[in-house]
Amino acid sequence: MSISGEAMTALNAMRRADFRTASRAVQNALDENPPHAVRRRLETAHSSLTMLASGGGEHDLLDVHEALEPLTKRSD
């Protein structure tokens, strides 16, 4: 799937509080070898989602959403 598709999958999973699926989707996007600026957004989101999926940490979902939302509009 494309980076934009994986970002959309992650956002939809977050809406369902399915952080494991969201984290997996972001990892899939990272596996696409994105440009540096995109990679930084994805790594930030992945770190927070991984912590949420394991039940630990308090992470701001708004920050994760703000990192992923612009990526859904990419044409890749």
Protein backbone atom coordinates (compact mmCIF):
# COMPACT_ATOMS: atom_id res chain seq x y z
CA MET A 1 0.00 0.00 0.00
CA SER A 2 1.13 3.60 -0.45
CA ILE A 3 2.35 5.86 2.34
CA SER A 4 -0.86 7.88 2.11
CA GLY A 5 -2.95 4.71 2.28
CA GLU A 6 -1.08 3.46 5.33
CA ALA A 7 -1.47 6.86 7.02
CA MET A 8 -5.22 6.71 6.39
CA THR A 9 -5.36 3.16 7.76
CA ALA A 10 -3.52 4.32 10.88
CA LEU A 11 -5.88 7.27 11.42
CA ASN A 12 -8.94 5.05 11.00
CA ALA A 13 -7.51 2.52 13.46
CA MET A 14 -6.80 5.31 15.96
CA ARG A 15 -10.46 6.35 15.79
CA ARG A 16 -11.31 2.81 16.95
CA ALA A 17 -8.57 2.95 19.62
CA ASP A 18 -6.86 0.07 17.77
CA PHE A 19 -3.31 1.25 18.37
CA ARG A 20 -1.68 -2.03 17.32
CA THR A 21 -3.19 -1.80 13.84
CA ALA A 22 -2.30 1.90 13.66
CA SER A 23 1.29 1.16 14.68
CA ARG A 24 1.54 -1.64 12.10
CA ALA A 25 0.22 0.65 9.35
CA VAL A 26 2.79 3.31 10.22
CA GLN A 27 5.54 0.66 10.21
CA ASN A 28 4.37 -0.43 6.75
CA ALA A 29 4.67 3.20 5.59
CA LEU A 30 8.19 3.37 7.04
CA ASP A 31 9.06 0.22 5.09
CA GLU A 32 8.27 2.14 1.88
CA ASN A 33 11.53 4.10 2.39
CA PRO A 34 9.93 7.57 2.48
CA PRO A 35 11.80 10.87 2.11
CA HIS A 36 13.52 12.18 5.25
CA ALA A 37 10.82 14.69 6.30
CA VAL A 38 8.08 12.08 5.90
CA ARG A 39 10.18 9.48 7.72
CA ARG A 40 10.54 11.83 10.72
CA ARG A 41 6.75 12.28 10.93
CA LEU A 42 6.20 8.54 10.67
CA GLU A 43 8.85 7.71 13.26
CA THR A 44 7.31 10.16 15.74
CA ALA A 45 3.85 8.69 15.19
CA HIS A 46 5.16 5.12 15.35
CA SER A 47 6.91 5.70 18.66
CA SER A 48 3.77 7.07 20.30
CA LEU A 49 1.50 4.42 18.82
CA THR A 50 3.82 1.61 19.92
CA MET A 51 3.70 2.91 23.50
CA LEU A 52 -0.09 3.22 23.36
CA ALA A 53 -0.43 -0.30 21.91
CA SER A 54 1.57 -1.72 24.80
CA GLY A 55 -0.64 0.10 27.28
CA GLY A 56 2.10 2.37 28.49
CA GLY A 57 2.79 6.04 28.47
CA GLU A 58 0.59 9.02 27.97
CA HIS A 59 0.87 10.30 24.45
CA ASP A 60 -1.07 13.07 22.85
CA LEU A 61 -3.19 11.55 20.09
CA LEU A 62 -3.56 15.01 18.59
CA ASP A 63 0.20 15.08 17.96
CA VAL A 64 0.02 11.69 16.24
CA HIS A 65 -2.98 12.83 14.19
CA GLU A 66 -1.17 16.02 13.18
CA ALA A 67 1.84 13.98 12.09
CA LEU A 68 -0.22 11.58 9.96
CA GLU A 69 -3.01 13.75 8.52
CA PRO A 70 -0.84 15.61 5.97
CA LEU A 71 0.52 12.29 4.73
CA THR A 72 -2.96 11.15 3.67
CA LYS A 73 -2.90 13.83 0.99
CA ARG A 74 0.32 12.63 -0.64
CA SER A 75 0.15 11.34 -4.18
CA ASP A 76 2.58 8.46 -4.02
